[in-house]
């Protein structure tokens, strides 16, 4: 099965919201730059995954809102989608790429991500409210090296 990965447009706003609601993931912030999403679609045009790349500074980005329809994809797809996302972020000039994880994230290591101690994170990142909440729960942050 093949997939198309593309940058979202304003027309994708409602489909992204429906996809996120269907997966049962929490709500997005009130203001979201919809073009910061990448979408993966199957051959039928159905969304199978979305991810948002938040630009924190000119060269620092945070991968967030990774949502996957696990009924439509396999674990290999997830790695390929993340690789495509990283490639896109690098093309956009983001040389420092971070990701908040709920666990140890061993699947991130082959992609070049390493767990980063909180005291090694840039202030622009740790000043974000949801990053502070994430860190206060003792959850890991990974950086693409």
Protein backbone atom coordinates (compact mmCIF):
# COMPACT_ATOMS: atom_id res chain seq x y z
CA UNK A 1 0.00 0.00 0.00
CA UNK A 2 1.33 3.43 -0.87
CA UNK A 3 0.86 6.73 0.89
CA UNK A 4 1.16 10.36 -0.07
CA UNK A 5 2.68 12.80 2.43
CA UNK A 6 1.85 16.45 1.86
CA UNK A 7 1.74 19.78 3.60
CA UNK A 8 -1.72 20.72 4.85
CA UNK A 9 -3.61 23.69 3.47
CA UNK A 10 -6.44 25.80 4.91
CA UNK A 11 -8.90 23.50 3.11
CA UNK A 12 -7.65 20.64 5.29
CA UNK A 13 -8.67 22.36 8.54
CA UNK A 14 -12.01 20.59 8.96
CA UNK A 15 -10.75 17.15 7.81
CA UNK A 16 -7.81 17.41 10.24
CA UNK A 17 -10.16 18.34 13.07
CA UNK A 18 -12.43 15.39 12.22
CA UNK A 19 -9.45 13.01 12.01
CA UNK A 20 -8.19 14.16 15.41
CA UNK A 21 -11.67 13.91 16.96
CA UNK A 22 -12.17 10.41 15.49
CA UNK A 23 -8.97 9.18 17.15
CA UNK A 24 -10.07 10.46 20.55
CA UNK A 25 -7.00 12.62 21.08
CA UNK A 26 -7.38 15.81 23.08
CA UNK A 27 -8.24 19.13 21.53
CA UNK A 28 -5.80 21.35 19.72
CA UNK A 29 -4.93 24.85 20.93
CA UNK A 30 -7.43 27.54 19.93
CA UNK A 31 -5.06 29.05 17.39
CA UNK A 32 -3.22 26.64 15.14
CA UNK A 33 -1.31 27.34 11.96
CA UNK A 34 -2.91 24.65 9.78
CA UNK A 35 -0.07 24.78 7.28
CA UNK A 36 2.22 23.50 10.06
CA UNK A 37 0.67 20.03 9.62
CA UNK A 38 1.88 17.26 7.38
CA UNK A 39 -0.74 14.76 6.27
CA UNK A 40 -0.32 11.18 5.12
CA UNK A 41 -3.11 9.86 2.93
CA UNK A 42 -3.73 6.40 1.54
CA UNK A 43 -4.60 5.68 -2.11
CA UNK A 44 -8.28 6.37 -1.39
CA UNK A 45 -7.48 9.86 -0.06
CA UNK A 46 -8.21 8.92 3.56
CA UNK A 47 -6.05 10.46 6.26
CA UNK A 48 -3.91 7.81 7.93
CA UNK A 49 -1.67 10.11 9.94
CA UNK A 50 -1.04 13.76 10.74
CA UNK A 51 1.78 15.54 12.53
CA UNK A 52 2.32 19.17 13.39
CA UNK A 53 5.70 20.87 13.26
CA UNK A 54 5.71 23.85 15.60
CA UNK A 55 8.40 26.36 14.76
CA UNK A 56 9.77 27.52 18.12
CA UNK A 57 12.61 29.69 16.76
CA UNK A 58 14.12 30.18 13.30
CA UNK A 59 16.12 26.95 13.64
CA UNK A 60 14.22 25.03 16.36
CA UNK A 61 11.10 22.97 15.86
CA UNK A 62 8.91 20.73 17.97
CA UNK A 63 7.18 17.70 16.46
CA UNK A 64 3.77 17.41 18.01
CA UNK A 65 0.25 16.16 17.52
CA UNK A 66 1.41 12.91 15.90
CA UNK A 67 -1.81 11.01 15.30
CA UNK A 68 -1.94 7.69 13.52
CA UNK A 69 -4.88 5.56 12.45
CA UNK A 70 -3.38 2.23 13.52
CA UNK A 71 -6.09 0.33 11.67
CA UNK A 72 -4.76 1.65 8.36
CA UNK A 73 -0.97 1.53 8.81
CA UNK A 74 1.81 -0.63 10.26
CA UNK A 75 4.84 0.19 12.40
CA UNK A 76 7.10 0.52 9.34
CA UNK A 77 4.83 3.27 8.05
CA UNK A 78 5.25 5.20 11.31
CA UNK A 79 9.04 5.21 10.92
CA UNK A 80 8.78 6.23 7.26
CA UNK A 81 6.33 9.01 8.10
CA UNK A 82 8.61 10.33 10.83
CA UNK A 83 11.57 10.19 8.44
CA UNK A 84 9.59 12.22 5.89
CA UNK A 85 8.62 14.68 8.62
CA UNK A 86 12.24 15.12 9.73
CA UNK A 87 13.35 15.61 6.12
CA UNK A 88 10.67 18.27 5.63
CA UNK A 89 11.61 20.06 8.88
CA UNK A 90 15.28 20.13 7.85
CA UNK A 91 14.32 21.54 4.44
CA UNK A 92 12.42 24.27 6.29
CA UNK A 93 15.63 25.25 8.10
CA UNK A 94 14.92 23.58 11.43
CA UNK A 95 18.27 22.16 12.47
CA UNK A 96 17.17 21.50 16.07
CA UNK A 97 14.18 19.16 16.16
CA UNK A 98 12.55 18.07 19.42
CA UNK A 99 9.81 15.60 20.25
CA UNK A 100 7.84 15.09 23.47
CA UNK A 101 7.34 11.40 24.24
CA UNK A 102 5.08 9.52 26.60
CA UNK A 103 7.66 6.79 27.17
CA UNK A 104 11.21 5.72 26.48
CA UNK A 105 10.80 6.07 22.73
CA UNK A 106 13.18 3.29 21.71
CA UNK A 107 11.73 3.43 18.19
CA UNK A 108 13.07 7.01 17.93
CA UNK A 109 16.72 6.02 18.28
CA UNK A 110 17.08 4.64 14.72
CA UNK A 111 15.82 8.02 13.49
CA UNK A 112 18.65 9.80 15.33
CA UNK A 113 16.70 10.99 18.36
CA UNK A 114 18.30 10.92 21.79
CA UNK A 115 16.76 11.64 25.18
CA UNK A 116 17.75 15.14 26.26
CA UNK A 117 17.90 16.23 29.91
CA UNK A 118 15.63 19.14 30.76
CA UNK A 119 18.58 21.36 31.70
CA UNK A 120 19.97 20.95 28.15
CA UNK A 121 16.79 22.17 26.45
CA UNK A 122 16.62 25.69 25.01
CA UNK A 123 14.71 28.27 27.03
CA UNK A 124 12.37 28.99 24.13
CA UNK A 125 11.24 25.37 24.30
CA UNK A 126 10.97 25.06 28.08
CA UNK A 127 9.00 28.30 28.25
CA UNK A 128 6.09 26.67 26.41
CA UNK A 129 3.33 25.82 28.89
CA UNK A 130 2.67 22.31 27.59
CA UNK A 131 6.39 21.50 27.55
CA UNK A 132 6.60 22.62 31.20
CA UNK A 133 3.65 20.32 32.06
CA UNK A 134 5.31 17.46 30.16
CA UNK A 135 8.58 17.92 32.03
CA UNK A 136 6.83 18.29 35.40
CA UNK A 137 5.42 14.78 34.89
CA UNK A 138 8.95 13.45 34.43
CA UNK A 139 8.30 12.56 30.78
CA UNK A 140 11.18 12.56 28.29
CA UNK A 141 12.04 15.00 25.54
CA UNK A 142 14.04 13.78 22.56
CA UNK A 143 16.26 15.78 20.24
CA UNK A 144 17.22 14.82 16.71
CA UNK A 145 21.01 14.67 16.62
